Full PDB file with SEQRES, HELIX, SHEET, SSBOND, CRYST1, ORIGX, SCALE, CONECT and MASTER records, all heavy atoms in Angstrom:
SEQRES   1 A   44  GLU ALA ASP TRP VAL LEU MET ASP ILE GLU MET ALA THR          
SEQRES   2 A   44  VAL ASP GLY LEU THR ALA THR ARG GLN LEU ARG ALA ALA          
SEQRES   3 A   44  HIS PRO GLU ALA ARG VAL VAL ILE VAL THR GLN TYR SER          
SEQRES   4 A   44  ASP GLU GLU VAL ARG                                          
HELIX    1 AA1 GLY A   16  ALA A   26  1                                  11    
SHEET    1 AA1 2 TRP A   4  MET A   7  0                                        
SHEET    2 AA1 2 ARG A  31  ILE A  34  1                                        
CRYST1    1.000    1.000    1.000  90.00  90.00  90.00 P 1           1          
ORIGX1      1.000000  0.000000  0.000000        0.00000                         
ORIGX2      0.000000  1.000000  0.000000        0.00000                         
ORIGX3      0.000000  0.000000  1.000000        0.00000                         
SCALE1      1.000000  0.000000  0.000000        0.00000                         
SCALE2      0.000000  1.000000  0.000000        0.00000                         
SCALE3      0.000000  0.000000  1.000000        0.00000                         
ATOM      1  N   GLU A   1      -5.220  -9.628  11.415  1.00  0.00           N  
ATOM      2  CA  GLU A   1      -4.332  -8.526  11.911  1.00  0.00           C  
ATOM      3  C   GLU A   1      -2.808  -8.934  12.145  1.00  0.00           C  
ATOM      4  O   GLU A   1      -2.018  -8.060  12.382  1.00  0.00           O  
ATOM      5  CB  GLU A   1      -4.914  -7.806  13.122  1.00  0.00           C  
ATOM      6  CG  GLU A   1      -5.045  -8.742  14.267  1.00  0.00           C  
ATOM      7  CD  GLU A   1      -5.865  -8.188  15.457  1.00  0.00           C  
ATOM      8  OE1 GLU A   1      -6.844  -7.433  15.140  1.00  0.00           O  
ATOM      9  OE2 GLU A   1      -5.548  -8.452  16.552  1.00  0.00           O  
ATOM     10  N   ALA A   2      -2.733 -10.218  12.150  1.00  0.00           N  
ATOM     11  CA  ALA A   2      -1.264 -10.774  12.459  1.00  0.00           C  
ATOM     12  C   ALA A   2      -0.481 -10.919  11.103  1.00  0.00           C  
ATOM     13  O   ALA A   2       0.577 -11.308  11.101  1.00  0.00           O  
ATOM     14  CB  ALA A   2      -1.390 -12.053  13.138  1.00  0.00           C  
ATOM     15  N   ASP A   3      -1.101 -10.571  10.069  1.00  0.00           N  
ATOM     16  CA  ASP A   3      -0.534 -10.804   8.646  1.00  0.00           C  
ATOM     17  C   ASP A   3      -0.142  -9.570   8.061  1.00  0.00           C  
ATOM     18  O   ASP A   3      -0.440  -8.391   8.584  1.00  0.00           O  
ATOM     19  CB  ASP A   3      -1.575 -11.449   7.822  1.00  0.00           C  
ATOM     20  CG  ASP A   3      -1.986 -12.850   8.259  1.00  0.00           C  
ATOM     21  OD1 ASP A   3      -1.148 -13.549   8.915  1.00  0.00           O  
ATOM     22  OD2 ASP A   3      -3.148 -13.154   8.298  1.00  0.00           O  
ATOM     23  N   TRP A   4       0.692  -9.574   6.968  1.00  0.00           N  
ATOM     24  CA  TRP A   4       1.325  -8.428   6.350  1.00  0.00           C  
ATOM     25  C   TRP A   4       0.934  -8.445   4.804  1.00  0.00           C  
ATOM     26  O   TRP A   4       0.863  -9.417   4.166  1.00  0.00           O  
ATOM     27  CB  TRP A   4       2.728  -8.458   6.419  1.00  0.00           C  
ATOM     28  CG  TRP A   4       3.203  -8.219   7.861  1.00  0.00           C  
ATOM     29  CD1 TRP A   4       3.481  -9.122   8.778  1.00  0.00           C  
ATOM     30  CD2 TRP A   4       3.533  -6.922   8.490  1.00  0.00           C  
ATOM     31  NE1 TRP A   4       3.932  -8.551   9.951  1.00  0.00           N  
ATOM     32  CE2 TRP A   4       3.857  -7.187   9.793  1.00  0.00           C  
ATOM     33  CE3 TRP A   4       3.382  -5.704   8.139  1.00  0.00           C  
ATOM     34  CZ2 TRP A   4       4.288  -6.170  10.672  1.00  0.00           C  
ATOM     35  CZ3 TRP A   4       3.659  -4.609   8.951  1.00  0.00           C  
ATOM     36  CH2 TRP A   4       4.076  -4.951  10.266  1.00  0.00           C  
ATOM     37  N   VAL A   5       0.812  -7.191   4.351  1.00  0.00           N  
ATOM     38  CA  VAL A   5       0.632  -7.006   2.919  1.00  0.00           C  
ATOM     39  C   VAL A   5       1.914  -6.088   2.400  1.00  0.00           C  
ATOM     40  O   VAL A   5       2.185  -5.090   2.975  1.00  0.00           O  
ATOM     41  CB  VAL A   5      -0.550  -6.194   2.605  1.00  0.00           C  
ATOM     42  CG1 VAL A   5      -0.768  -5.929   1.000  1.00  0.00           C  
ATOM     43  CG2 VAL A   5      -1.876  -6.986   3.039  1.00  0.00           C  
ATOM     44  N   LEU A   6       2.622  -6.621   1.405  1.00  0.00           N  
ATOM     45  CA  LEU A   6       3.749  -5.917   0.908  1.00  0.00           C  
ATOM     46  C   LEU A   6       3.405  -5.294  -0.367  1.00  0.00           C  
ATOM     47  O   LEU A   6       3.247  -6.069  -1.319  1.00  0.00           O  
ATOM     48  CB  LEU A   6       5.038  -6.849   0.823  1.00  0.00           C  
ATOM     49  CG  LEU A   6       5.398  -7.534   2.090  1.00  0.00           C  
ATOM     50  CD1 LEU A   6       6.556  -8.519   1.918  1.00  0.00           C  
ATOM     51  CD2 LEU A   6       5.636  -6.602   3.233  1.00  0.00           C  
ATOM     52  N   MET A   7       3.120  -4.034  -0.504  1.00  0.00           N  
ATOM     53  CA  MET A   7       2.553  -3.311  -1.720  1.00  0.00           C  
ATOM     54  C   MET A   7       3.416  -2.443  -2.497  1.00  0.00           C  
ATOM     55  O   MET A   7       4.014  -1.567  -1.844  1.00  0.00           O  
ATOM     56  CB  MET A   7       1.334  -2.533  -1.143  1.00  0.00           C  
ATOM     57  CG  MET A   7       0.457  -1.857  -2.166  1.00  0.00           C  
ATOM     58  SD  MET A   7      -0.788  -2.905  -2.848  1.00  0.00           S  
ATOM     59  CE  MET A   7      -1.873  -3.043  -1.528  1.00  0.00           C  
ATOM     60  N   ASP A   8       3.556  -2.766  -3.753  1.00  0.00           N  
ATOM     61  CA  ASP A   8       4.352  -1.846  -4.621  1.00  0.00           C  
ATOM     62  C   ASP A   8       3.473  -0.667  -4.864  1.00  0.00           C  
ATOM     63  O   ASP A   8       2.128  -0.662  -4.611  1.00  0.00           O  
ATOM     64  CB  ASP A   8       4.597  -2.565  -6.060  1.00  0.00           C  
ATOM     65  CG  ASP A   8       5.444  -1.805  -7.022  1.00  0.00           C  
ATOM     66  OD1 ASP A   8       6.138  -0.815  -6.522  1.00  0.00           O  
ATOM     67  OD2 ASP A   8       5.299  -2.003  -8.153  1.00  0.00           O  
ATOM     68  N   ILE A   9       4.032   0.486  -5.381  1.00  0.00           N  
ATOM     69  CA  ILE A   9       3.145   1.739  -5.694  1.00  0.00           C  
ATOM     70  C   ILE A   9       2.745   1.733  -7.173  1.00  0.00           C  
ATOM     71  O   ILE A   9       1.615   1.777  -7.440  1.00  0.00           O  
ATOM     72  CB  ILE A   9       3.848   2.950  -5.310  1.00  0.00           C  
ATOM     73  CG1 ILE A   9       3.949   3.167  -3.757  1.00  0.00           C  
ATOM     74  CG2 ILE A   9       3.189   4.163  -5.950  1.00  0.00           C  
ATOM     75  CD1 ILE A   9       4.476   4.494  -3.330  1.00  0.00           C  
ATOM     76  N   GLU A  10       3.702   1.570  -8.012  1.00  0.00           N  
ATOM     77  CA  GLU A  10       3.491   1.794  -9.449  1.00  0.00           C  
ATOM     78  C   GLU A  10       3.015   0.450 -10.101  1.00  0.00           C  
ATOM     79  O   GLU A  10       3.907  -0.356 -10.298  1.00  0.00           O  
ATOM     80  CB  GLU A  10       4.733   2.344 -10.054  1.00  0.00           C  
ATOM     81  CG  GLU A  10       4.426   2.899 -11.453  1.00  0.00           C  
ATOM     82  CD  GLU A  10       5.712   3.614 -12.036  1.00  0.00           C  
ATOM     83  OE1 GLU A  10       6.082   4.648 -11.392  1.00  0.00           O  
ATOM     84  OE2 GLU A  10       6.165   3.153 -13.099  1.00  0.00           O  
ATOM     85  N   MET A  11       1.794   0.410 -10.305  1.00  0.00           N  
ATOM     86  CA  MET A  11       1.166  -0.813 -11.135  1.00  0.00           C  
ATOM     87  C   MET A  11       0.162  -0.408 -12.053  1.00  0.00           C  
ATOM     88  O   MET A  11      -0.355   0.684 -11.988  1.00  0.00           O  
ATOM     89  CB  MET A  11       0.569  -1.811 -10.021  1.00  0.00           C  
ATOM     90  CG  MET A  11       1.563  -2.408  -9.040  1.00  0.00           C  
ATOM     91  SD  MET A  11       0.925  -3.575  -7.814  1.00  0.00           S  
ATOM     92  CE  MET A  11       0.195  -2.371  -6.693  1.00  0.00           C  
ATOM     93  N   ALA A  12      -0.175  -1.090 -13.117  1.00  0.00           N  
ATOM     94  CA  ALA A  12      -0.899  -0.788 -14.270  1.00  0.00           C  
ATOM     95  C   ALA A  12      -2.422  -0.374 -13.873  1.00  0.00           C  
ATOM     96  O   ALA A  12      -2.844   0.779 -14.175  1.00  0.00           O  
ATOM     97  CB  ALA A  12      -0.978  -1.887 -15.263  1.00  0.00           C  
ATOM     98  N   THR A  13      -3.161  -1.272 -13.426  1.00  0.00           N  
ATOM     99  CA  THR A  13      -4.558  -1.058 -13.309  1.00  0.00           C  
ATOM    100  C   THR A  13      -4.965  -0.207 -12.046  1.00  0.00           C  
ATOM    101  O   THR A  13      -5.551   0.860 -12.212  1.00  0.00           O  
ATOM    102  CB  THR A  13      -5.414  -2.434 -13.172  1.00  0.00           C  
ATOM    103  OG1 THR A  13      -4.900  -3.165 -14.386  1.00  0.00           O  
ATOM    104  CG2 THR A  13      -6.887  -2.210 -13.337  1.00  0.00           C  
ATOM    105  N   VAL A  14      -4.645  -0.680 -10.887  1.00  0.00           N  
ATOM    106  CA  VAL A  14      -4.771   0.068  -9.661  1.00  0.00           C  
ATOM    107  C   VAL A  14      -3.475   0.212  -8.900  1.00  0.00           C  
ATOM    108  O   VAL A  14      -2.812  -0.797  -8.715  1.00  0.00           O  
ATOM    109  CB  VAL A  14      -5.805  -0.608  -8.709  1.00  0.00           C  
ATOM    110  CG1 VAL A  14      -6.029   0.132  -7.418  1.00  0.00           C  
ATOM    111  CG2 VAL A  14      -7.174  -0.765  -9.402  1.00  0.00           C  
ATOM    112  N   ASP A  15      -3.182   1.503  -8.746  1.00  0.00           N  
ATOM    113  CA  ASP A  15      -1.751   1.719  -8.031  1.00  0.00           C  
ATOM    114  C   ASP A  15      -1.742   1.249  -6.649  1.00  0.00           C  
ATOM    115  O   ASP A  15      -2.858   1.162  -5.967  1.00  0.00           O  
ATOM    116  CB  ASP A  15      -1.375   3.102  -8.305  1.00  0.00           C  
ATOM    117  CG  ASP A  15      -2.254   4.062  -7.460  1.00  0.00           C  
ATOM    118  OD1 ASP A  15      -1.944   4.322  -6.226  1.00  0.00           O  
ATOM    119  OD2 ASP A  15      -3.237   4.546  -8.051  1.00  0.00           O  
ATOM    120  N   GLY A  16      -0.649   1.165  -5.941  1.00  0.00           N  
ATOM    121  CA  GLY A  16      -0.484   0.680  -4.663  1.00  0.00           C  
ATOM    122  C   GLY A  16      -1.110   1.536  -3.593  1.00  0.00           C  
ATOM    123  O   GLY A  16      -1.711   1.168  -2.540  1.00  0.00           O  
ATOM    124  N   LEU A  17      -1.096   2.979  -3.889  1.00  0.00           N  
ATOM    125  CA  LEU A  17      -1.607   3.819  -2.892  1.00  0.00           C  
ATOM    126  C   LEU A  17      -3.169   3.664  -2.871  1.00  0.00           C  
ATOM    127  O   LEU A  17      -3.786   3.700  -1.708  1.00  0.00           O  
ATOM    128  CB  LEU A  17      -1.136   5.296  -3.178  1.00  0.00           C  
ATOM    129  CG  LEU A  17       0.282   5.539  -2.968  1.00  0.00           C  
ATOM    130  CD1 LEU A  17       0.570   7.029  -3.403  1.00  0.00           C  
ATOM    131  CD2 LEU A  17       0.818   5.246  -1.667  1.00  0.00           C  
ATOM    132  N   THR A  18      -3.768   3.580  -4.002  1.00  0.00           N  
ATOM    133  CA  THR A  18      -5.165   3.439  -4.063  1.00  0.00           C  
ATOM    134  C   THR A  18      -5.599   2.172  -3.465  1.00  0.00           C  
ATOM    135  O   THR A  18      -6.605   1.986  -2.799  1.00  0.00           O  
ATOM    136  CB  THR A  18      -5.638   3.565  -5.530  1.00  0.00           C  
ATOM    137  OG1 THR A  18      -5.255   4.774  -6.127  1.00  0.00           O  
ATOM    138  CG2 THR A  18      -7.179   3.287  -5.668  1.00  0.00           C  
ATOM    139  N   ALA A  19      -4.826   1.045  -3.863  1.00  0.00           N  
ATOM    140  CA  ALA A  19      -5.112  -0.236  -3.252  1.00  0.00           C  
ATOM    141  C   ALA A  19      -4.965  -0.311  -1.792  1.00  0.00           C  
ATOM    142  O   ALA A  19      -5.760  -0.879  -1.097  1.00  0.00           O  
ATOM    143  CB  ALA A  19      -4.238  -1.309  -3.929  1.00  0.00           C  
ATOM    144  N   THR A  20      -3.982   0.398  -1.266  1.00  0.00           N  
ATOM    145  CA  THR A  20      -3.769   0.434   0.247  1.00  0.00           C  
ATOM    146  C   THR A  20      -5.030   1.172   0.870  1.00  0.00           C  
ATOM    147  O   THR A  20      -5.547   0.725   1.916  1.00  0.00           O  
ATOM    148  CB  THR A  20      -2.481   1.205   0.608  1.00  0.00           C  
ATOM    149  OG1 THR A  20      -1.375   0.475   0.046  1.00  0.00           O  
ATOM    150  CG2 THR A  20      -2.337   1.414   1.973  1.00  0.00           C  
ATOM    151  N   ARG A  21      -5.424   2.348   0.317  1.00  0.00           N  
ATOM    152  CA  ARG A  21      -6.585   2.969   0.814  1.00  0.00           C  
ATOM    153  C   ARG A  21      -7.780   2.137   0.765  1.00  0.00           C  
ATOM    154  O   ARG A  21      -8.593   2.102   1.826  1.00  0.00           O  
ATOM    155  CB  ARG A  21      -6.818   4.284   0.100  1.00  0.00           C  
ATOM    156  CG  ARG A  21      -7.962   5.213   0.631  1.00  0.00           C  
ATOM    157  CD  ARG A  21      -8.146   6.533  -0.160  1.00  0.00           C  
ATOM    158  NE  ARG A  21      -8.743   6.160  -1.421  1.00  0.00           N  
ATOM    159  CZ  ARG A  21      -8.129   6.420  -2.633  1.00  0.00           C  
ATOM    160  NH1 ARG A  21      -6.900   6.936  -2.622  1.00  0.00           N  
ATOM    161  NH2 ARG A  21      -8.657   6.017  -3.719  1.00  0.00           N  
ATOM    162  N   GLN A  22      -8.061   1.457  -0.293  1.00  0.00           N  
ATOM    163  CA  GLN A  22      -9.318   0.615  -0.344  1.00  0.00           C  
ATOM    164  C   GLN A  22      -9.141  -0.640   0.620  1.00  0.00           C  
ATOM    165  O   GLN A  22     -10.260  -0.956   1.228  1.00  0.00           O  
ATOM    166  CB  GLN A  22      -9.487   0.016  -1.809  1.00  0.00           C  
ATOM    167  CG  GLN A  22      -9.727   1.092  -2.770  1.00  0.00           C  
ATOM    168  CD  GLN A  22      -9.655   0.503  -4.220  1.00  0.00           C  
ATOM    169  OE1 GLN A  22      -9.011  -0.479  -4.552  1.00  0.00           O  
ATOM    170  NE2 GLN A  22     -10.135   1.336  -5.142  1.00  0.00           N  
ATOM    171  N   LEU A  23      -8.032  -1.179   0.643  1.00  0.00           N  
ATOM    172  CA  LEU A  23      -7.924  -2.336   1.614  1.00  0.00           C  
ATOM    173  C   LEU A  23      -8.049  -2.003   3.089  1.00  0.00           C  
ATOM    174  O   LEU A  23      -8.708  -2.600   3.895  1.00  0.00           O  
ATOM    175  CB  LEU A  23      -6.422  -2.955   1.404  1.00  0.00           C  
ATOM    176  CG  LEU A  23      -6.019  -4.104   2.290  1.00  0.00           C  
ATOM    177  CD1 LEU A  23      -7.124  -5.330   2.001  1.00  0.00           C  
ATOM    178  CD2 LEU A  23      -4.697  -4.589   2.072  1.00  0.00           C  
ATOM    179  N   ARG A  24      -7.391  -0.782   3.432  1.00  0.00           N  
ATOM    180  CA  ARG A  24      -7.612  -0.293   4.827  1.00  0.00           C  
ATOM    181  C   ARG A  24      -8.955   0.121   5.163  1.00  0.00           C  
ATOM    182  O   ARG A  24      -9.433   0.048   6.259  1.00  0.00           O  
ATOM    183  CB  ARG A  24      -6.661   0.795   5.169  1.00  0.00           C  
ATOM    184  CG  ARG A  24      -5.139   0.398   5.024  1.00  0.00           C  
ATOM    185  CD  ARG A  24      -4.601  -0.187   6.289  1.00  0.00           C  
ATOM    186  NE  ARG A  24      -4.727   0.903   7.198  1.00  0.00           N  
ATOM    187  CZ  ARG A  24      -4.750   0.852   8.473  1.00  0.00           C  
ATOM    188  NH1 ARG A  24      -4.806  -0.307   9.138  1.00  0.00           N  
ATOM    189  NH2 ARG A  24      -4.940   1.974   9.314  1.00  0.00           N  
ATOM    190  N   ALA A  25      -9.796   0.665   4.132  1.00  0.00           N  
ATOM    191  CA  ALA A  25     -11.135   1.056   4.311  1.00  0.00           C  
ATOM    192  C   ALA A  25     -11.996  -0.120   4.696  1.00  0.00           C  
ATOM    193  O   ALA A  25     -12.866  -0.048   5.521  1.00  0.00           O  
ATOM    194  CB  ALA A  25     -11.637   1.808   3.072  1.00  0.00           C  
ATOM    195  N   ALA A  26     -11.791  -1.243   4.026  1.00  0.00           N  
ATOM    196  CA  ALA A  26     -12.521  -2.498   4.139  1.00  0.00           C  
ATOM    197  C   ALA A  26     -11.991  -3.338   5.304  1.00  0.00           C  
ATOM    198  O   ALA A  26     -12.804  -3.950   5.997  1.00  0.00           O  
ATOM    199  CB  ALA A  26     -12.501  -3.301   2.877  1.00  0.00           C  
ATOM    200  N   HIS A  27     -10.717  -3.203   5.520  1.00  0.00           N  
ATOM    201  CA  HIS A  27     -10.201  -3.897   6.664  1.00  0.00           C  
ATOM    202  C   HIS A  27      -9.196  -3.065   7.507  1.00  0.00           C  
ATOM    203  O   HIS A  27      -7.915  -3.169   7.215  1.00  0.00           O  
ATOM    204  CB  HIS A  27      -9.393  -5.163   6.091  1.00  0.00           C  
ATOM    205  CG  HIS A  27     -10.179  -6.083   5.381  1.00  0.00           C  
ATOM    206  ND1 HIS A  27     -11.082  -7.069   5.927  1.00  0.00           N  
ATOM    207  CD2 HIS A  27     -10.537  -6.167   3.970  1.00  0.00           C  
ATOM    208  CE1 HIS A  27     -11.719  -7.683   5.098  1.00  0.00           C  
ATOM    209  NE2 HIS A  27     -11.448  -7.125   3.831  1.00  0.00           N  
ATOM    210  N   PRO A  28      -9.644  -2.310   8.389  1.00  0.00           N  
ATOM    211  CA  PRO A  28      -8.798  -1.314   9.168  1.00  0.00           C  
ATOM    212  C   PRO A  28      -7.651  -1.992   9.883  1.00  0.00           C  
ATOM    213  O   PRO A  28      -6.573  -1.313  10.158  1.00  0.00           O  
ATOM    214  CB  PRO A  28      -9.745  -0.757  10.204  1.00  0.00           C  
ATOM    215  CG  PRO A  28     -11.173  -0.981   9.606  1.00  0.00           C  
ATOM    216  CD  PRO A  28     -11.089  -2.182   8.858  1.00  0.00           C  
ATOM    217  N   GLU A  29      -7.773  -3.373  10.114  1.00  0.00           N  
ATOM    218  CA  GLU A  29      -6.637  -4.081  10.816  1.00  0.00           C  
ATOM    219  C   GLU A  29      -5.495  -4.448   9.919  1.00  0.00           C  
ATOM    220  O   GLU A  29      -4.437  -4.872  10.317  1.00  0.00           O  
ATOM    221  CB  GLU A  29      -7.184  -5.260  11.448  1.00  0.00           C  
ATOM    222  CG  GLU A  29      -7.526  -6.498  10.502  1.00  0.00           C  
ATOM    223  CD  GLU A  29      -8.740  -6.313   9.568  1.00  0.00           C  
ATOM    224  OE1 GLU A  29      -9.504  -5.395   9.763  1.00  0.00           O  
ATOM    225  OE2 GLU A  29      -8.904  -7.213   8.796  1.00  0.00           O  
ATOM    226  N   ALA A  30      -5.679  -4.234   8.549  1.00  0.00           N  
ATOM    227  CA  ALA A  30      -4.740  -4.622   7.540  1.00  0.00           C  
ATOM    228  C   ALA A  30      -3.319  -3.839   7.851  1.00  0.00           C  
ATOM    229  O   ALA A  30      -3.327  -2.693   8.033  1.00  0.00           O  
ATOM    230  CB  ALA A  30      -5.106  -4.451   6.141  1.00  0.00           C  
ATOM    231  N   ARG A  31      -2.178  -4.576   7.850  1.00  0.00           N  
ATOM    232  CA  ARG A  31      -0.925  -4.035   8.027  1.00  0.00           C  
ATOM    233  C   ARG A  31      -0.295  -4.011   6.637  1.00  0.00           C  
ATOM    234  O   ARG A  31       0.169  -5.014   6.156  1.00  0.00           O  
ATOM    235  CB  ARG A  31      -0.185  -4.856   9.033  1.00  0.00           C  
ATOM    236  CG  ARG A  31      -0.713  -4.762  10.442  1.00  0.00           C  
ATOM    237  CD  ARG A  31       0.226  -5.160  11.415  1.00  0.00           C  
ATOM    238  NE  ARG A  31       0.591  -6.672  11.270  1.00  0.00           N  
ATOM    239  CZ  ARG A  31       1.367  -7.329  11.964  1.00  0.00           C  
ATOM    240  NH1 ARG A  31       2.046  -6.806  13.008  1.00  0.00           N  
ATOM    241  NH2 ARG A  31       1.636  -8.628  11.866  1.00  0.00           N  
ATOM    242  N   VAL A  32      -0.080  -2.799   6.059  1.00  0.00           N  
ATOM    243  CA  VAL A  32       0.481  -2.674   4.777  1.00  0.00           C  
ATOM    244  C   VAL A  32       1.780  -1.942   4.811  1.00  0.00           C  
ATOM    245  O   VAL A  32       2.006  -0.906   5.363  1.00  0.00           O  
ATOM    246  CB  VAL A  32      -0.561  -1.877   3.789  1.00  0.00           C  
ATOM    247  CG1 VAL A  32       0.032  -1.715   2.453  1.00  0.00           C  
ATOM    248  CG2 VAL A  32      -1.859  -2.482   3.823  1.00  0.00           C  
ATOM    249  N   VAL A  33       2.765  -2.608   4.157  1.00  0.00           N  
ATOM    250  CA  VAL A  33       4.123  -1.977   4.026  1.00  0.00           C  
ATOM    251  C   VAL A  33       4.190  -1.659   2.501  1.00  0.00           C  
ATOM    252  O   VAL A  33       4.204  -2.441   1.696  1.00  0.00           O  
ATOM    253  CB  VAL A  33       5.189  -2.873   4.538  1.00  0.00           C  
ATOM    254  CG1 VAL A  33       6.579  -2.299   4.230  1.00  0.00           C  
ATOM    255  CG2 VAL A  33       5.026  -3.254   5.969  1.00  0.00           C  
ATOM    256  N   ILE A  34       4.414  -0.318   2.290  1.00  0.00           N  
ATOM    257  CA  ILE A  34       4.766   0.135   0.907  1.00  0.00           C  
ATOM    258  C   ILE A  34       6.235  -0.310   0.541  1.00  0.00           C  
ATOM    259  O   ILE A  34       7.069   0.076   1.243  1.00  0.00           O  
ATOM    260  CB  ILE A  34       4.458   1.539   0.643  1.00  0.00           C  
ATOM    261  CG1 ILE A  34       3.079   1.864   0.891  1.00  0.00           C  
ATOM    262  CG2 ILE A  34       4.972   2.011  -0.703  1.00  0.00           C  
ATOM    263  CD1 ILE A  34       2.107   1.369  -0.018  1.00  0.00           C  
ATOM    264  N   VAL A  35       6.439  -1.097  -0.641  1.00  0.00           N  
ATOM    265  CA  VAL A  35       7.691  -1.417  -1.066  1.00  0.00           C  
ATOM    266  C   VAL A  35       7.957  -0.864  -2.454  1.00  0.00           C  
ATOM    267  O   VAL A  35       7.130  -1.318  -3.354  1.00  0.00           O  
ATOM    268  CB  VAL A  35       7.865  -2.993  -1.180  1.00  0.00           C  
ATOM    269  CG1 VAL A  35       9.171  -3.376  -1.605  1.00  0.00           C  
ATOM    270  CG2 VAL A  35       7.584  -3.585   0.154  1.00  0.00           C  
ATOM    271  N   THR A  36       8.705   0.140  -2.623  1.00  0.00           N  
ATOM    272  CA  THR A  36       8.784   0.952  -3.845  1.00  0.00           C  
ATOM    273  C   THR A  36      10.154   1.401  -4.294  1.00  0.00           C  
ATOM    274  O   THR A  36      10.962   1.440  -3.406  1.00  0.00           O  
ATOM    275  CB  THR A  36       7.854   2.146  -3.712  1.00  0.00           C  
ATOM    276  OG1 THR A  36       7.876   2.913  -4.869  1.00  0.00           O  
ATOM    277  CG2 THR A  36       8.273   3.104  -2.581  1.00  0.00           C  
ATOM    278  N   GLN A  37      10.250   1.718  -5.497  1.00  0.00           N  
ATOM    279  CA  GLN A  37      11.511   2.305  -6.103  1.00  0.00           C  
ATOM    280  C   GLN A  37      11.642   3.787  -5.611  1.00  0.00           C  
ATOM    281  O   GLN A  37      12.705   4.264  -5.779  1.00  0.00           O  
ATOM    282  CB  GLN A  37      11.639   2.063  -7.486  1.00  0.00           C  
ATOM    283  CG  GLN A  37      10.642   2.959  -8.285  1.00  0.00           C  
ATOM    284  CD  GLN A  37      10.666   2.676  -9.736  1.00  0.00           C  
ATOM    285  OE1 GLN A  37      11.454   1.915 -10.208  1.00  0.00           O  
ATOM    286  NE2 GLN A  37       9.850   3.345 -10.459  1.00  0.00           N  
ATOM    287  N   TYR A  38      10.652   4.433  -5.237  1.00  0.00           N  
ATOM    288  CA  TYR A  38      10.576   5.768  -4.817  1.00  0.00           C  
ATOM    289  C   TYR A  38      10.926   5.970  -3.363  1.00  0.00           C  
ATOM    290  O   TYR A  38      10.429   5.238  -2.514  1.00  0.00           O  
ATOM    291  CB  TYR A  38       9.356   6.489  -5.048  1.00  0.00           C  
ATOM    292  CG  TYR A  38       8.874   6.318  -6.564  1.00  0.00           C  
ATOM    293  CD1 TYR A  38       7.914   5.421  -6.858  1.00  0.00           C  
ATOM    294  CD2 TYR A  38       9.421   6.981  -7.576  1.00  0.00           C  
ATOM    295  CE1 TYR A  38       7.512   5.184  -8.203  1.00  0.00           C  
ATOM    296  CE2 TYR A  38       9.125   6.744  -8.860  1.00  0.00           C  
ATOM    297  CZ  TYR A  38       8.076   5.870  -9.134  1.00  0.00           C  
ATOM    298  OH  TYR A  38       7.746   5.810 -10.445  1.00  0.00           O  
ATOM    299  N   SER A  39      11.864   6.905  -3.103  1.00  0.00           N  
ATOM    300  CA  SER A  39      12.315   7.073  -1.644  1.00  0.00           C  
ATOM    301  C   SER A  39      12.160   8.518  -1.137  1.00  0.00           C  
ATOM    302  O   SER A  39      12.590   8.780  -0.052  1.00  0.00           O  
ATOM    303  CB  SER A  39      13.677   6.506  -1.455  1.00  0.00           C  
ATOM    304  OG  SER A  39      14.580   7.199  -2.235  1.00  0.00           O  
ATOM    305  N   ASP A  40      11.643   9.343  -2.001  1.00  0.00           N  
ATOM    306  CA  ASP A  40      11.475  10.761  -1.557  1.00  0.00           C  
ATOM    307  C   ASP A  40      10.362  10.877  -0.421  1.00  0.00           C  
ATOM    308  O   ASP A  40       9.515  10.160  -0.323  1.00  0.00           O  
ATOM    309  CB  ASP A  40      11.223  11.777  -2.714  1.00  0.00           C  
ATOM    310  CG  ASP A  40       9.978  11.251  -3.548  1.00  0.00           C  
ATOM    311  OD1 ASP A  40       8.931  11.924  -3.105  1.00  0.00           O  
ATOM    312  OD2 ASP A  40      10.010  10.567  -4.398  1.00  0.00           O  
ATOM    313  N   GLU A  41      10.454  12.042   0.223  1.00  0.00           N  
ATOM    314  CA  GLU A  41       9.610  12.232   1.410  1.00  0.00           C  
ATOM    315  C   GLU A  41       8.188  12.413   1.034  1.00  0.00           C  
ATOM    316  O   GLU A  41       7.196  12.038   1.767  1.00  0.00           O  
ATOM    317  CB  GLU A  41      10.103  13.565   2.204  1.00  0.00           C  
ATOM    318  CG  GLU A  41       9.519  13.693   3.532  1.00  0.00           C  
ATOM    319  CD  GLU A  41       9.762  12.466   4.442  1.00  0.00           C  
ATOM    320  OE1 GLU A  41      10.775  11.733   4.403  1.00  0.00           O  
ATOM    321  OE2 GLU A  41       8.782  12.010   5.150  1.00  0.00           O  
ATOM    322  N   GLU A  42       7.894  12.998  -0.094  1.00  0.00           N  
ATOM    323  CA  GLU A  42       6.533  13.220  -0.630  1.00  0.00           C  
ATOM    324  C   GLU A  42       5.868  11.776  -0.887  1.00  0.00           C  
ATOM    325  O   GLU A  42       4.648  11.655  -0.390  1.00  0.00           O  
ATOM    326  CB  GLU A  42       6.562  13.975  -2.018  1.00  0.00           C  
ATOM    327  CG  GLU A  42       5.146  14.346  -2.478  1.00  0.00           C  
ATOM    328  CD  GLU A  42       5.265  15.223  -3.742  1.00  0.00           C  
ATOM    329  OE1 GLU A  42       6.107  16.076  -3.746  1.00  0.00           O  
ATOM    330  OE2 GLU A  42       4.581  14.888  -4.625  1.00  0.00           O  
ATOM    331  N   VAL A  43       6.482  10.840  -1.412  1.00  0.00           N  
ATOM    332  CA  VAL A  43       5.837   9.511  -1.608  1.00  0.00           C  
ATOM    333  C   VAL A  43       5.680   8.897  -0.242  1.00  0.00           C  
ATOM    334  O   VAL A  43       4.730   8.221  -0.063  1.00  0.00           O  
ATOM    335  CB  VAL A  43       6.743   8.716  -2.556  1.00  0.00           C  
ATOM    336  CG1 VAL A  43       6.219   7.303  -2.776  1.00  0.00           C  
ATOM    337  CG2 VAL A  43       6.821   9.379  -3.978  1.00  0.00           C  
ATOM    338  N   ARG A  44       6.670   9.031   0.592  1.00  0.00           N  
ATOM    339  CA  ARG A  44       6.525   8.358   1.894  1.00  0.00           C  
ATOM    340  C   ARG A  44       5.324   8.956   2.731  1.00  0.00           C  
ATOM    341  O   ARG A  44       4.662   8.179   3.318  1.00  0.00           O  
ATOM    342  CB  ARG A  44       7.818   8.652   2.712  1.00  0.00           C  
ATOM    343  CG  ARG A  44       7.858   7.962   4.096  1.00  0.00           C  
ATOM    344  CD  ARG A  44       9.137   8.461   4.824  1.00  0.00           C  
ATOM    345  NE  ARG A  44      10.411   7.856   3.983  1.00  0.00           N  
ATOM    346  CZ  ARG A  44      10.969   6.704   4.259  1.00  0.00           C  
ATOM    347  NH1 ARG A  44      10.511   5.970   5.287  1.00  0.00           N  
ATOM    348  NH2 ARG A  44      12.016   6.370   3.638  1.00  0.00           N  
TER     349      ARG A  44                                                      
MASTER        0    0    0    1    2    0    0    6  348    1    0    4          
END                                                                             
């Protein structure tokens, strides 16, 4: 829980949103920061 995950969104096999959801389901303490080229409110 003291560590960080810096996650892109657009990736080939598994996108960052799906990976974030899977990671947090398995490890609720995971701290994920999305780092992306998209800045619109819908993506946020």
